[in-house]
Amino acid sequence: MKLLVINGPNLNLLGLREPAIYGSQNYESLLALIRAACDAEGIEVDFAQSNHEGAIVDAIQAAYGVYDGIVINPAAYTHTSIAILDALKAVAIPAVEVHISDVDSREPFRQVSYAGMACVKTYKGLGFQGYVEAVKFLKDYLSK
């Protein structure tokens, strides 16, 4: 089993970016946690991060025929990008959406998720652990 983890804009600044909301651990710590979770589950994993919408669309399209599942945190593009939604629908790779913060308890505009409309599950407000839960969910989902 092979997963692609895609992170959107500003997630590369974890640890610096609003630590009261996103925590004090950096992006490399997040990747290490996901790698460890995948290793424990016997899953291959690759990562993509971009601050550019088109690069995220390109990563989703390039995943077709290569990956069994996608874990995606589109970050701010969650609430604005029909292009990411369309790319996820086009490749039809099972995807799980993750948000570090509880977007439902934040500003009203953060409560709309276009990407989530193409995902089989969403994890919100679990911090970095949401990614681990997404990996475990996809393993079970894809093993059926």
C-alpha atoms as a PDB file:
ATOM      1  CA  MET A   1       0.000   0.000   0.000  1.00  0.00           C
ATOM      2  CA  LYS A   2       1.289   3.429  -0.947  1.00  0.00           C
ATOM      3  CA  LEU A   3      -0.048   6.776   0.289  1.00  0.00           C
ATOM      4  CA  LEU A   4       0.578  10.363  -0.735  1.00  0.00           C
ATOM      5  CA  VAL A   5       0.287  13.034   1.947  1.00  0.00           C
ATOM      6  CA  ILE A   6      -0.398  16.485   0.507  1.00  0.00           C
ATOM      7  CA  ASN A   7      -0.145  19.653   2.581  1.00  0.00           C
ATOM      8  CA  GLY A   8      -1.240  23.060   1.401  1.00  0.00           C
ATOM      9  CA  PRO A   9      -0.201  26.649   2.012  1.00  0.00           C
ATOM     10  CA  ASN A  10       1.600  27.775   5.133  1.00  0.00           C
ATOM     11  CA  LEU A  11       1.844  24.307   6.654  1.00  0.00           C
ATOM     12  CA  ASN A  12       5.570  24.491   5.956  1.00  0.00           C
ATOM     13  CA  LEU A  13       5.580  27.210   8.634  1.00  0.00           C
ATOM     14  CA  LEU A  14       4.232  24.999  11.416  1.00  0.00           C
ATOM     15  CA  GLY A  15       5.862  25.931  14.693  1.00  0.00           C
ATOM     16  CA  LEU A  16       6.019  29.579  13.628  1.00  0.00           C
ATOM     17  CA  ARG A  17       2.479  30.016  12.379  1.00  0.00           C
ATOM     18  CA  GLU A  18      -0.038  30.811  15.127  1.00  0.00           C
ATOM     19  CA  PRO A  19       1.272  28.278  17.664  1.00  0.00           C
ATOM     20  CA  ALA A  20      -1.805  28.788  19.853  1.00  0.00           C
ATOM     21  CA  ILE A  21      -3.862  27.237  17.026  1.00  0.00           C
ATOM     22  CA  TYR A  22      -1.420  24.908  15.267  1.00  0.00           C
ATOM     23  CA  GLY A  23       1.019  24.007  18.063  1.00  0.00           C
ATOM     24  CA  SER A  24       4.732  24.554  18.454  1.00  0.00           C
ATOM     25  CA  GLN A  25       6.005  21.502  16.551  1.00  0.00           C
ATOM     26  CA  ASN A  26       7.485  22.175  13.120  1.00  0.00           C
ATOM     27  CA  TYR A  27       6.683  20.679   9.722  1.00  0.00           C
ATOM     28  CA  GLU A  28       9.564  18.197   9.890  1.00  0.00           C
ATOM     29  CA  SER A  29       8.127  16.868  13.161  1.00  0.00           C
ATOM     30  CA  LEU A  30       4.816  16.299  11.401  1.00  0.00           C
ATOM     31  CA  LEU A  31       6.486  14.397   8.567  1.00  0.00           C
ATOM     32  CA  ALA A  32       8.457  12.267  11.050  1.00  0.00           C
ATOM     33  CA  LEU A  33       5.259  11.368  12.909  1.00  0.00           C
ATOM     34  CA  ILE A  34       3.496  10.366   9.686  1.00  0.00           C
ATOM     35  CA  ARG A  35       6.526   8.343   8.506  1.00  0.00           C
ATOM     36  CA  ALA A  36       6.613   6.484  11.823  1.00  0.00           C
ATOM     37  CA  ALA A  37       2.876   5.748  11.651  1.00  0.00           C
ATOM     38  CA  CYS A  38       3.201   4.476   8.089  1.00  0.00           C
ATOM     39  CA  ASP A  39       6.240   2.361   8.971  1.00  0.00           C
ATOM     40  CA  ALA A  40       4.286   0.801  11.854  1.00  0.00           C
ATOM     41  CA  GLU A  41       1.428  -0.028   9.486  1.00  0.00           C
ATOM     42  CA  GLY A  42       3.668  -1.329   6.685  1.00  0.00           C
ATOM     43  CA  ILE A  43       2.690   1.506   4.344  1.00  0.00           C
ATOM     44  CA  GLU A  44       4.928   3.362   1.883  1.00  0.00           C
ATOM     45  CA  VAL A  45       4.462   7.133   2.052  1.00  0.00           C
ATOM     46  CA  ASP A  46       5.505  10.150   0.037  1.00  0.00           C
ATOM     47  CA  PHE A  47       4.901  13.816   0.752  1.00  0.00           C
ATOM     48  CA  ALA A  48       4.008  16.933  -1.211  1.00  0.00           C
ATOM     49  CA  GLN A  49       3.637  20.449   0.139  1.00  0.00           C
ATOM     50  CA  SER A  50       2.965  23.601  -1.793  1.00  0.00           C
ATOM     51  CA  ASN A  51       1.741  27.121  -1.260  1.00  0.00           C
ATOM     52  CA  HIS A  52       0.431  27.107  -4.841  1.00  0.00           C
ATOM     53  CA  GLU A  53      -2.967  25.746  -5.797  1.00  0.00           C
ATOM     54  CA  GLY A  54      -1.868  24.517  -9.228  1.00  0.00           C
ATOM     55  CA  ALA A  55       1.023  22.542  -7.737  1.00  0.00           C
ATOM     56  CA  ILE A  56      -1.421  20.776  -5.416  1.00  0.00           C
ATOM     57  CA  VAL A  57      -3.663  19.968  -8.390  1.00  0.00           C
ATOM     58  CA  ASP A  58      -0.599  18.676 -10.259  1.00  0.00           C
ATOM     59  CA  ALA A  59       0.348  16.438  -7.293  1.00  0.00           C
ATOM     60  CA  ILE A  60      -3.165  14.988  -7.158  1.00  0.00           C
ATOM     61  CA  GLN A  61      -3.190  14.325 -10.899  1.00  0.00           C
ATOM     62  CA  ALA A  62       0.287  12.744 -10.782  1.00  0.00           C
ATOM     63  CA  ALA A  63      -0.928  10.408  -8.022  1.00  0.00           C
ATOM     64  CA  TYR A  64      -3.208   8.577 -10.460  1.00  0.00           C
ATOM     65  CA  GLY A  65      -2.006   5.016 -10.963  1.00  0.00           C
ATOM     66  CA  VAL A  66       0.825   5.494  -8.448  1.00  0.00           C
ATOM     67  CA  TYR A  67      -0.842   5.778  -5.025  1.00  0.00           C
ATOM     68  CA  ASP A  68      -3.595   3.788  -3.349  1.00  0.00           C
ATOM     69  CA  GLY A  69      -4.753   6.656  -1.152  1.00  0.00           C
ATOM     70  CA  ILE A  70      -4.271  10.333  -0.406  1.00  0.00           C
ATOM     71  CA  VAL A  71      -4.173  12.180   2.902  1.00  0.00           C
ATOM     72  CA  ILE A  72      -4.744  15.852   2.184  1.00  0.00           C
ATOM     73  CA  ASN A  73      -4.714  19.024   4.231  1.00  0.00           C
ATOM     74  CA  PRO A  74      -5.472  21.672   1.620  1.00  0.00           C
ATOM     75  CA  ALA A  75      -5.170  24.350   4.338  1.00  0.00           C
ATOM     76  CA  ALA A  76      -6.698  27.641   3.162  1.00  0.00           C
ATOM     77  CA  TYR A  77      -7.527  26.110  -0.225  1.00  0.00           C
ATOM     78  CA  THR A  78     -10.024  23.893   1.613  1.00  0.00           C
ATOM     79  CA  HIS A  79     -12.461  26.775   1.604  1.00  0.00           C
ATOM     80  CA  THR A  80     -11.804  28.182  -1.855  1.00  0.00           C
ATOM     81  CA  SER A  81     -10.545  25.597  -4.323  1.00  0.00           C
ATOM     82  CA  ILE A  82     -12.967  23.938  -6.651  1.00  0.00           C
ATOM     83  CA  ALA A  83      -9.894  22.990  -8.717  1.00  0.00           C
ATOM     84  CA  ILE A  84      -8.611  20.752  -5.898  1.00  0.00           C
ATOM     85  CA  LEU A  85     -12.092  19.259  -5.485  1.00  0.00           C
ATOM     86  CA  ASP A  86     -12.266  18.542  -9.213  1.00  0.00           C
ATOM     87  CA  ALA A  87      -8.785  16.972  -9.241  1.00  0.00           C
ATOM     88  CA  LEU A  88      -9.678  14.669  -6.339  1.00  0.00           C
ATOM     89  CA  LYS A  89     -12.891  13.662  -8.104  1.00  0.00           C
ATOM     90  CA  ALA A  90     -11.086  13.136 -11.419  1.00  0.00           C
ATOM     91  CA  VAL A  91      -8.459  10.720 -10.106  1.00  0.00           C
ATOM     92  CA  ALA A  92     -10.965   8.971  -7.807  1.00  0.00           C
ATOM     93  CA  ILE A  93      -8.233   7.863  -5.391  1.00  0.00           C
ATOM     94  CA  PRO A  94      -9.692   7.404  -1.900  1.00  0.00           C
ATOM     95  CA  ALA A  95      -8.729  10.525   0.037  1.00  0.00           C
ATOM     96  CA  VAL A  96      -8.978  11.586   3.665  1.00  0.00           C
ATOM     97  CA  GLU A  97      -9.041  15.257   4.582  1.00  0.00           C
ATOM     98  CA  VAL A  98      -7.149  16.411   7.684  1.00  0.00           C
ATOM     99  CA  HIS A  99      -7.202  19.706   9.565  1.00  0.00           C
ATOM    100  CA  ILE A 100      -4.925  20.317  12.534  1.00  0.00           C
ATOM    101  CA  SER A 101      -7.340  22.803  14.104  1.00  0.00           C
ATOM    102  CA  ASP A 102     -11.062  22.376  14.659  1.00  0.00           C
ATOM    103  CA  VAL A 103     -12.183  24.396  11.668  1.00  0.00           C
ATOM    104  CA  ASP A 104     -15.822  24.075  12.764  1.00  0.00           C
ATOM    105  CA  SER A 105     -15.144  26.227  15.827  1.00  0.00           C
ATOM    106  CA  ARG A 106     -13.302  28.942  13.906  1.00  0.00           C
ATOM    107  CA  GLU A 107     -14.450  31.647  11.472  1.00  0.00           C
ATOM    108  CA  PRO A 108     -17.597  30.806   9.488  1.00  0.00           C
ATOM    109  CA  PHE A 109     -15.732  30.758   6.147  1.00  0.00           C
ATOM    110  CA  ARG A 110     -13.555  27.898   7.451  1.00  0.00           C
ATOM    111  CA  GLN A 111     -16.608  25.675   7.855  1.00  0.00           C
ATOM    112  CA  VAL A 112     -16.984  25.125   4.113  1.00  0.00           C
ATOM    113  CA  SER A 113     -14.774  22.417   2.656  1.00  0.00           C
ATOM    114  CA  TYR A 114     -14.741  21.938  -1.096  1.00  0.00           C
ATOM    115  CA  ALA A 115     -12.005  19.292  -0.942  1.00  0.00           C
ATOM    116  CA  GLY A 116     -13.928  17.407   1.723  1.00  0.00           C
ATOM    117  CA  MET A 117     -16.747  16.837  -0.747  1.00  0.00           C
ATOM    118  CA  ALA A 118     -14.474  14.376  -2.579  1.00  0.00           C
ATOM    119  CA  CYS A 119     -13.045  12.704   0.532  1.00  0.00           C
ATOM    120  CA  VAL A 120     -14.209   9.510   2.212  1.00  0.00           C
ATOM    121  CA  LYS A 121     -13.506  10.904   5.702  1.00  0.00           C
ATOM    122  CA  THR A 122     -12.374  14.073   7.474  1.00  0.00           C
ATOM    123  CA  TYR A 123     -10.413  14.524  10.707  1.00  0.00           C
ATOM    124  CA  LYS A 124     -10.523  17.949  12.389  1.00  0.00           C
ATOM    125  CA  GLY A 125      -9.055  19.350  15.557  1.00  0.00           C
ATOM    126  CA  LEU A 126      -6.865  16.391  16.504  1.00  0.00           C
ATOM    127  CA  GLY A 127      -3.598  18.212  15.880  1.00  0.00           C
ATOM    128  CA  PHE A 128      -0.898  16.122  14.224  1.00  0.00           C
ATOM    129  CA  GLN A 129      -2.667  12.972  15.448  1.00  0.00           C
ATOM    130  CA  GLY A 130      -5.330  13.550  12.790  1.00  0.00           C
ATOM    131  CA  TYR A 131      -2.807  12.473  10.159  1.00  0.00           C
ATOM    132  CA  VAL A 132      -2.100   9.229  12.043  1.00  0.00           C
ATOM    133  CA  GLU A 133      -5.831   8.547  12.253  1.00  0.00           C
ATOM    134  CA  ALA A 134      -6.159   9.226   8.525  1.00  0.00           C
ATOM    135  CA  VAL A 135      -3.381   6.744   7.729  1.00  0.00           C
ATOM    136  CA  LYS A 136      -4.997   4.054   9.888  1.00  0.00           C
ATOM    137  CA  PHE A 137      -8.416   4.734   8.388  1.00  0.00           C
ATOM    138  CA  LEU A 138      -7.084   4.464   4.829  1.00  0.00           C
ATOM    139  CA  LYS A 139      -5.300   1.215   5.626  1.00  0.00           C
ATOM    140  CA  ASP A 140      -8.573  -0.295   6.848  1.00  0.00           C
ATOM    141  CA  TYR A 141     -10.609   1.281   4.060  1.00  0.00           C
ATOM    142  CA  LEU A 142      -8.294   0.062   1.324  1.00  0.00           C
ATOM    143  CA  SER A 143      -7.983  -3.430   2.807  1.00  0.00           C
ATOM    144  CA  LYS A 144     -11.697  -4.145   2.384  1.00  0.00           C
END
